[in-house]
Amino acid sequence: MNNHKKVVLHMVQPISETEFGGADLHVLDLAQKQNEIGIFEPIILLSKNKKLQQRFTELGIKCLCGYEAKNILAFIRWANRKLKTNTIDLIHSHGYDSNYQMVLLKKMFPKKWKKIPTVITSHGWIETNFFLKFKTRLDFYCHSFADALIVCAKKNLKRLKKVDGQTHDFVPNGISFDPFNKQSIEQLPYKQLYDRQLKKVAYVGRLSAEKRVDLFLKSAFEVLKKRNDVVYFVVGDGLENSSLKKMVEDSGHSANICFTGLLENVSEIYKNIDLLILSSDTESTPRVVIEALYNQVPVVATEVGDVPLLVVSNKNGFVVPKGDWKKISEHTQNILEDDEVKTQLGKNGKAHIEKHFTISIMENEISNIYKKII
């Protein structure tokens, strides 16, 4: 590889105009680290979410957002015009929609895009209904246009199809810990969060079917039958929001369960809770678990994806079988009843993350993959 700085086009498409997903924050941290090191110069391409565009811009990273494009074809034509004078050395695509867009760029404007080396990072596949299964099939079709495929969960390597000359690598998520070292602008308006007489448990993430927040709530109801000094926080938003709130209302435990909605800075949550629960049916290496463990918060999570690489039972939390909300409630009660155990689990969690899941480790492994294919 030549010594001059190489330009990497990161393609990532947020879930909505207001939400930041795991893949979006993954790219935010990666691009920031690449910009800091200076070997690769990141450019970000989005089709929506001006708030995310602003985050990149504030970090000094060029970010193009085609929110005015009426459909995917209009967006591709707009992106090609915007990038016409830029020399792009490598494309790095993240997730279903960005993969489809990457393929269309190569097919519609082959003179500029067809021969540019391409990396796809798979952040996992959600296949809870027919539509999502169809999107996954399209995603696998896109894989043939890449020179390298990266998965964020080691178990997903076996799902990748062999293509001549294509490299397959597992690179676990790493995160930048800078946001957690900054004080929040203001405390969150939930007085229970700061009441030292109360125990606090949280779920952080999208309120979508595959996250099984209903199981988180079932485990909460079980604990609240036995003790009234626990407050549960549901941090996030999504399609399941209304049905989950109805579930809480019907349970009679509304006073002990708070729905916070979306929070840009969740550091105040991590600083004050006793336990994080993740009850998902599918994950890769979830950022929220890494964030919680780094903040010395024990985690109880389902045994999906590469969660067992993050959460080591009896060391920094507990892993339970998928769907087993009763086990979640048992571990919750045990952790909340013993402050010494909780503290030791928290210390072990931070040490584990600092050793294995930093942004520096992730950026270095991804850079090595770039160097192989450029």
Protein backbone atom coordinates (compact mmCIF):
# COMPACT_ATOMS: atom_id res chain seq x y z
CA MET A 1 0.00 0.00 0.00
CA ASN A 2 1.28 3.48 -0.87
CA ASN A 3 2.16 5.84 1.99
CA HIS A 4 -0.38 8.57 1.10
CA LYS A 5 -3.63 8.73 3.05
CA LYS A 6 -6.38 6.47 1.65
CA VAL A 7 -9.99 7.64 1.49
CA VAL A 8 -12.61 5.24 2.86
CA LEU A 9 -16.29 5.76 2.06
CA HIS A 10 -18.37 4.40 4.96
CA MET A 11 -21.95 3.66 3.90
CA VAL A 12 -24.38 3.31 6.81
CA GLN A 13 -28.14 3.91 6.92
CA PRO A 14 -29.77 4.76 10.27
CA ILE A 15 -33.03 3.09 11.26
CA SER A 16 -34.93 6.37 11.18
CA GLU A 17 -34.52 10.13 11.08
CA THR A 18 -34.19 10.26 14.88
CA GLU A 19 -32.70 6.95 16.11
CA PHE A 20 -29.06 5.86 16.34
CA GLY A 21 -28.59 2.10 16.02
CA GLY A 22 -25.61 -0.02 16.98
CA ALA A 23 -24.17 0.06 13.46
CA ASP A 24 -24.39 3.87 13.37
CA LEU A 25 -22.43 4.24 16.61
CA HIS A 26 -19.99 1.54 15.44
CA VAL A 27 -19.18 3.67 12.37
CA LEU A 28 -19.06 6.85 14.46
CA ASP A 29 -16.39 5.38 16.76
CA LEU A 30 -14.46 3.72 13.92
CA ALA A 31 -14.39 6.84 11.73
CA GLN A 32 -13.33 9.00 14.67
CA LYS A 33 -10.42 6.65 15.41
CA GLN A 34 -9.41 6.47 11.73
CA ASN A 35 -9.48 10.25 11.54
CA GLU A 36 -7.30 10.46 14.65
CA ILE A 37 -4.68 7.98 13.38
CA GLY A 38 -4.55 9.50 9.91
CA ILE A 39 -3.75 6.49 7.72
CA PHE A 40 -7.30 6.33 6.37
CA GLU A 41 -9.52 9.36 5.76
CA PRO A 42 -13.21 8.56 6.38
CA ILE A 43 -16.13 10.00 4.40
CA ILE A 44 -19.63 9.07 5.61
CA LEU A 45 -22.64 8.52 3.34
CA LEU A 46 -26.15 8.55 4.85
CA SER A 47 -29.60 8.68 3.29
CA LYS A 48 -31.23 10.18 6.41
CA ASN A 49 -30.73 11.42 9.98
CA LYS A 50 -29.35 14.96 10.04
CA LYS A 51 -28.63 14.60 13.76
CA LEU A 52 -26.15 11.81 13.05
CA GLN A 53 -24.67 13.88 10.23
CA GLN A 54 -24.14 16.69 12.74
CA ARG A 55 -22.32 14.31 15.12
CA PHE A 56 -19.84 13.36 12.38
CA THR A 57 -19.39 16.97 11.30
CA GLU A 58 -18.63 18.07 14.87
CA LEU A 59 -15.83 15.48 14.90
CA GLY A 60 -14.33 17.00 11.74
CA ILE A 61 -15.44 14.09 9.53
CA LYS A 62 -16.99 14.76 6.13
CA CYS A 63 -20.56 13.40 6.10
CA LEU A 64 -23.01 13.54 3.20
CA CYS A 65 -26.72 13.08 3.99
CA GLY A 66 -29.16 12.70 1.09
CA TYR A 67 -32.33 13.14 3.13
CA GLU A 68 -34.09 14.94 0.26
CA ALA A 69 -33.85 11.96 -2.13
CA LYS A 70 -37.34 10.51 -2.61
CA ASN A 71 -36.26 6.88 -3.21
CA ILE A 72 -33.20 4.65 -3.32
CA LEU A 73 -32.49 5.27 -7.02
CA ALA A 74 -32.67 9.04 -6.55
CA PHE A 75 -30.33 8.70 -3.57
CA ILE A 76 -27.79 6.70 -5.61
CA ARG A 77 -27.79 9.30 -8.40
CA TRP A 78 -27.40 12.08 -5.79
CA ALA A 79 -24.52 10.25 -4.06
CA ASN A 80 -22.71 9.69 -7.36
CA ARG A 81 -22.96 13.41 -8.20
CA LYS A 82 -21.78 14.47 -4.75
CA LEU A 83 -18.78 12.14 -4.84
CA LYS A 84 -17.93 12.57 -8.53
CA THR A 85 -14.76 14.57 -7.88
CA ASN A 86 -13.64 12.55 -4.83
CA THR A 87 -11.02 9.83 -5.16
CA ILE A 88 -12.41 6.89 -3.18
CA ASP A 89 -9.85 4.16 -2.42
CA LEU A 90 -12.16 1.79 -0.56
CA ILE A 91 -15.87 1.34 0.21
CA HIS A 92 -16.91 0.04 3.62
CA SER A 93 -20.59 -0.83 3.79
CA HIS A 94 -22.48 -1.50 7.05
CA GLY A 95 -25.86 -3.25 7.10
CA TYR A 96 -28.72 -4.26 4.82
CA ASP A 97 -29.73 -0.95 3.23
CA SER A 98 -26.21 0.35 2.76
CA ASN A 99 -25.25 -2.94 1.10
CA TYR A 100 -28.10 -2.60 -1.39
CA GLN A 101 -26.99 0.97 -2.11
CA MET A 102 -23.37 -0.11 -2.57
CA VAL A 103 -24.43 -2.69 -5.19
CA LEU A 104 -26.54 -0.12 -7.03
CA LEU A 105 -23.64 2.34 -7.12
CA LYS A 106 -21.45 -0.32 -8.73
CA LYS A 107 -24.13 -1.37 -11.22
CA MET A 108 -25.46 2.06 -12.18
CA PHE A 109 -22.08 3.83 -12.38
CA PRO A 110 -19.53 1.08 -13.05
CA LYS A 111 -16.89 3.37 -14.53
CA LYS A 112 -16.27 5.04 -11.14
CA TRP A 113 -17.40 2.42 -8.61
CA LYS A 114 -17.15 -1.14 -9.97
CA LYS A 115 -13.45 -1.73 -9.36
CA ILE A 116 -13.14 0.05 -5.99
CA PRO A 117 -12.16 -2.48 -3.28
CA THR A 118 -15.09 -3.11 -0.95
CA VAL A 119 -15.57 -4.33 2.61
CA ILE A 120 -18.92 -5.32 4.13
CA THR A 121 -19.40 -5.49 7.88
CA SER A 122 -22.35 -7.62 8.95
CA HIS A 123 -23.80 -6.42 12.23
CA GLY A 124 -26.09 -9.45 12.38
CA TRP A 125 -29.24 -10.61 10.62
CA ILE A 126 -32.75 -10.20 12.02
CA GLU A 127 -35.14 -12.81 10.63
CA THR A 128 -38.26 -12.59 12.77
CA ASN A 129 -40.69 -12.32 9.83
CA PHE A 130 -40.93 -13.02 6.09
CA PHE A 131 -39.95 -9.47 5.08
CA LEU A 132 -36.77 -9.54 7.16
CA LYS A 133 -35.89 -13.01 5.86
CA PHE A 134 -36.22 -11.62 2.33
CA LYS A 135 -33.95 -8.69 3.23
CA THR A 136 -31.39 -11.17 4.55
CA ARG A 137 -31.42 -13.08 1.25
CA LEU A 138 -30.79 -9.80 -0.60
CA ASP A 139 -28.00 -9.03 1.84
CA PHE A 140 -26.25 -12.32 1.06
CA TYR A 141 -26.53 -11.54 -2.66
CA CYS A 142 -24.67 -8.26 -1.97
CA HIS A 143 -21.81 -10.17 -0.35
CA SER A 144 -20.54 -11.31 -3.76
CA PHE A 145 -19.68 -7.66 -4.59
CA ALA A 146 -17.23 -7.38 -1.67
CA ASP A 147 -13.54 -8.26 -1.43
CA ALA A 148 -13.78 -8.81 2.34
CA LEU A 149 -16.57 -9.67 4.73
CA ILE A 150 -16.43 -8.86 8.45
CA VAL A 151 -18.80 -10.27 11.06
CA CYS A 152 -19.21 -8.82 14.55
CA ALA A 153 -20.19 -12.23 15.99
CA LYS A 154 -17.85 -15.18 15.55
CA LYS A 155 -20.79 -17.60 15.22
CA ASN A 156 -21.87 -15.78 12.04
CA LEU A 157 -18.68 -16.73 10.16
CA LYS A 158 -20.16 -20.13 9.32
CA ARG A 159 -23.10 -18.48 7.52
CA LEU A 160 -20.86 -16.71 5.01
CA LYS A 161 -20.55 -18.35 1.58
CA LYS A 162 -17.10 -18.96 0.14
CA VAL A 163 -16.20 -16.75 -2.82
CA ASP A 164 -12.85 -17.07 -4.60
CA GLY A 165 -10.38 -14.42 -3.44
CA GLN A 166 -12.70 -13.07 -0.76
CA THR A 167 -11.52 -12.83 2.86
CA HIS A 168 -13.76 -13.54 5.85
CA ASP A 169 -12.89 -12.14 9.29
CA PHE A 170 -14.40 -11.85 12.74
CA VAL A 171 -13.81 -8.45 14.37
CA PRO A 172 -15.72 -7.90 17.64
CA ASN A 173 -17.17 -4.51 18.41
CA GLY A 174 -14.93 -2.07 20.20
CA ILE A 175 -16.11 1.24 21.56
CA SER A 176 -14.69 4.65 22.36
CA PHE A 177 -14.98 5.33 26.07
CA ASP A 178 -14.60 9.12 25.79
CA PRO A 179 -18.35 9.85 26.18
CA PHE A 180 -18.36 8.09 29.55
CA ASN A 181 -15.58 10.29 30.88
CA LYS A 182 -17.55 13.47 30.28
CA GLN A 183 -20.07 14.84 32.76
CA SER A 184 -23.66 14.93 31.61
CA ILE A 185 -25.01 18.38 30.78
CA GLU A 186 -27.87 17.75 33.19
CA GLN A 187 -29.17 14.90 35.26
CA LEU A 188 -32.08 12.92 33.91
CA PRO A 189 -35.49 13.90 35.33
CA TYR A 190 -36.11 10.60 37.13
CA LYS A 191 -35.68 11.07 40.86
CA GLN A 192 -35.72 7.29 41.40
CA LEU A 193 -32.43 7.04 39.49
CA TYR A 194 -30.62 8.98 42.21
CA ASP A 195 -32.39 7.48 45.26
CA ARG A 196 -29.76 5.42 47.07
CA GLN A 197 -32.44 3.51 48.96
CA LEU A 198 -33.65 1.98 45.70
CA LYS A 199 -32.11 -0.72 43.52
CA LYS A 200 -32.01 0.13 39.81
CA VAL A 201 -32.19 -2.24 36.83
CA ALA A 202 -32.22 -1.19 33.16
CA TYR A 203 -32.74 -2.31 29.60
CA VAL A 204 -31.05 -0.11 26.96
CA GLY A 205 -31.80 -0.49 23.24
CA ARG A 206 -34.44 -0.53 20.53
CA LEU A 207 -37.96 -1.53 21.49
CA SER A 208 -38.31 -4.09 18.69
CA ALA A 209 -39.55 -7.68 18.55
CA GLU A 210 -36.17 -9.42 18.43
CA LYS A 211 -35.00 -7.60 21.58
CA ARG A 212 -37.69 -9.40 23.65
CA VAL A 213 -38.24 -6.53 26.05
CA ASP A 214 -41.41 -8.37 27.04
CA LEU A 215 -39.18 -10.95 28.75
CA PHE A 216 -37.29 -8.16 30.53
CA LEU A 217 -40.67 -6.95 31.84
CA LYS A 218 -41.79 -10.45 32.86
CA SER A 219 -38.62 -10.86 34.89
CA ALA A 220 -39.30 -7.43 36.43
CA PHE A 221 -42.83 -8.41 37.44
CA GLU A 222 -41.47 -11.54 39.13
CA VAL A 223 -38.94 -9.55 41.16
CA LEU A 224 -41.48 -6.86 42.05
CA LYS A 225 -43.83 -9.47 43.49
CA LYS A 226 -41.24 -10.04 46.21
CA ARG A 227 -39.77 -6.59 46.78
CA ASN A 228 -40.85 -3.02 46.20
CA ASP A 229 -37.46 -1.31 46.44
CA VAL A 230 -36.48 -1.94 42.81
CA VAL A 231 -37.04 0.45 39.89
CA TYR A 232 -36.74 -0.73 36.29
CA PHE A 233 -35.78 1.63 33.45
CA VAL A 234 -36.65 0.95 29.80
CA VAL A 235 -34.27 3.16 27.82
CA GLY A 236 -35.05 3.46 24.11
CA ASP A 237 -37.90 3.64 21.63
CA GLY A 238 -39.32 1.60 18.77
CA LEU A 239 -42.33 -0.18 17.30
CA GLU A 240 -43.02 -2.16 20.49
CA ASN A 241 -43.30 0.95 22.67
CA SER A 242 -47.11 1.06 22.95
CA SER A 243 -47.60 -2.66 23.53
CA LEU A 244 -44.88 -2.76 26.19
CA LYS A 245 -46.39 0.21 28.05
CA LYS A 246 -49.78 -1.53 27.93
CA MET A 247 -48.16 -4.66 29.35
CA VAL A 248 -46.81 -2.63 32.29
CA GLU A 249 -50.15 -0.88 32.90
CA ASP A 250 -51.95 -4.24 33.00
CA SER A 251 -49.38 -5.63 35.45
CA GLY A 252 -50.07 -3.08 38.17
CA HIS A 253 -46.34 -2.27 38.49
CA SER A 254 -46.33 1.10 36.68
CA ALA A 255 -44.91 2.92 39.71
CA ASN A 256 -41.72 0.83 39.54
CA ILE A 257 -41.12 0.83 35.77
CA CYS A 258 -40.01 3.98 33.89
CA PHE A 259 -39.95 4.38 30.10
CA THR A 260 -37.32 7.05 29.40
CA GLY A 261 -37.61 7.18 25.60
CA LEU A 262 -34.51 7.80 23.49
CA LEU A 263 -31.47 9.20 25.30
CA GLU A 264 -28.47 10.48 23.33
CA ASN A 265 -26.18 10.22 26.35
CA VAL A 266 -26.87 7.13 28.47
CA SER A 267 -23.87 7.67 30.74
CA GLU A 268 -26.13 8.95 33.54
CA ILE A 269 -28.03 5.65 33.37
CA TYR A 270 -24.89 3.50 33.58
CA LYS A 271 -23.46 5.59 36.43
CA ASN A 272 -26.50 4.97 38.64
CA ILE A 273 -27.91 1.50 37.91
CA ASP A 274 -27.08 -1.75 39.67
CA LEU A 275 -27.72 -4.13 36.78
CA LEU A 276 -28.26 -4.22 33.00
CA ILE A 277 -30.48 -6.89 31.46
CA LEU A 278 -30.46 -7.93 27.79
CA SER A 279 -33.11 -10.52 26.92
CA SER A 280 -32.69 -10.58 23.12
CA ASP A 281 -33.37 -13.46 20.75
CA THR A 282 -30.54 -12.33 18.45
CA GLU A 283 -27.37 -10.23 18.91
CA SER A 284 -23.77 -9.93 17.66
CA THR A 285 -21.46 -8.34 20.24
CA PRO A 286 -23.91 -5.77 21.63
CA ARG A 287 -22.54 -2.31 22.39
CA VAL A 288 -24.88 -1.76 25.34
CA VAL A 289 -23.31 -4.75 27.12
CA ILE A 290 -19.79 -3.42 26.46
CA GLU A 291 -20.83 0.03 27.70
CA ALA A 292 -22.43 -1.32 30.87
CA LEU A 293 -19.50 -3.59 31.74
CA TYR A 294 -17.04 -0.76 31.17
CA ASN A 295 -19.05 1.30 33.66
CA GLN A 296 -18.76 -1.53 36.21
CA VAL A 297 -22.40 -2.57 35.84
CA PRO A 298 -22.99 -6.36 35.99
CA VAL A 299 -25.02 -7.82 33.11
CA VAL A 300 -27.55 -10.64 32.87
CA ALA A 301 -28.07 -11.56 29.21
CA THR A 302 -29.37 -14.31 26.99
CA GLU A 303 -26.89 -16.71 25.40
CA VAL A 304 -27.13 -15.41 21.82
CA GLY A 305 -24.51 -14.32 19.29
CA ASP A 306 -21.20 -13.57 20.97
CA VAL A 307 -22.73 -12.40 24.24
CA PRO A 308 -20.81 -15.19 26.08
CA LEU A 309 -17.54 -13.55 24.97
CA LEU A 310 -18.65 -10.41 26.81
CA VAL A 311 -20.57 -11.79 29.77
CA VAL A 312 -18.75 -14.54 31.66
CA SER A 313 -21.04 -16.21 34.20
CA ASN A 314 -19.99 -15.75 37.82
CA LYS A 315 -17.24 -13.34 36.69
CA ASN A 316 -18.95 -10.17 35.43
CA GLY A 317 -22.59 -11.23 35.23
CA PHE A 318 -24.64 -14.22 34.10
CA VAL A 319 -25.68 -15.77 30.79
CA VAL A 320 -29.06 -17.52 30.60
CA PRO A 321 -30.77 -19.63 27.91
CA LYS A 322 -32.70 -17.65 25.28
CA GLY A 323 -36.25 -16.97 26.45
CA ASP A 324 -35.65 -17.92 30.10
CA TRP A 325 -37.03 -14.87 31.92
CA LYS A 326 -37.34 -16.83 35.18
CA LYS A 327 -33.56 -17.35 35.26
CA ILE A 328 -33.15 -13.64 34.58
CA SER A 329 -35.30 -12.80 37.60
CA GLU A 330 -33.38 -15.29 39.80
CA HIS A 331 -30.01 -13.79 38.91
CA THR A 332 -31.42 -10.28 39.32
CA GLN A 333 -32.52 -11.01 42.87
CA ASN A 334 -29.22 -12.66 43.79
CA ILE A 335 -27.15 -9.73 42.50
CA LEU A 336 -29.35 -7.09 44.13
CA GLU A 337 -29.20 -8.85 47.49
CA ASP A 338 -25.39 -8.89 47.76
CA ASP A 339 -23.56 -5.57 47.32
CA GLU A 340 -20.11 -7.20 47.63
CA VAL A 341 -20.87 -9.64 44.80
CA LYS A 342 -22.29 -6.81 42.66
CA THR A 343 -19.19 -4.67 43.21
CA GLN A 344 -16.80 -7.51 42.34
CA LEU A 345 -18.77 -8.41 39.20
CA GLY A 346 -18.56 -4.75 38.17
CA LYS A 347 -14.79 -4.52 38.66
CA ASN A 348 -14.25 -7.72 36.69
CA GLY A 349 -16.46 -6.40 33.89
CA LYS A 350 -14.45 -3.22 33.37
CA ALA A 351 -11.14 -5.11 33.33
CA HIS A 352 -12.53 -7.59 30.77
CA ILE A 353 -13.69 -4.84 28.40
CA GLU A 354 -10.48 -2.80 28.66
CA LYS A 355 -8.49 -5.90 27.73
CA HIS A 356 -10.53 -7.15 24.76
CA PHE A 357 -13.08 -4.64 23.40
CA THR A 358 -11.54 -1.21 22.85
CA ILE A 359 -11.89 0.90 19.71
CA SER A 360 -8.10 0.73 19.23
CA ILE A 361 -8.21 -3.06 18.93
CA MET A 362 -11.14 -2.93 16.51
CA GLU A 363 -9.63 -0.18 14.34
CA ASN A 364 -6.30 -1.99 14.08
CA GLU A 365 -7.90 -5.25 12.93
CA ILE A 366 -10.08 -3.45 10.38
CA SER A 367 -7.08 -1.48 9.07
CA ASN A 368 -5.20 -4.74 8.50
CA ILE A 369 -8.13 -5.99 6.40
CA TYR A 370 -8.13 -2.75 4.38
CA LYS A 371 -4.39 -3.16 3.69
CA LYS A 372 -4.92 -6.70 2.39
CA ILE A 373 -7.40 -5.66 -0.29
CA ILE A 374 -6.12 -2.23 -1.41
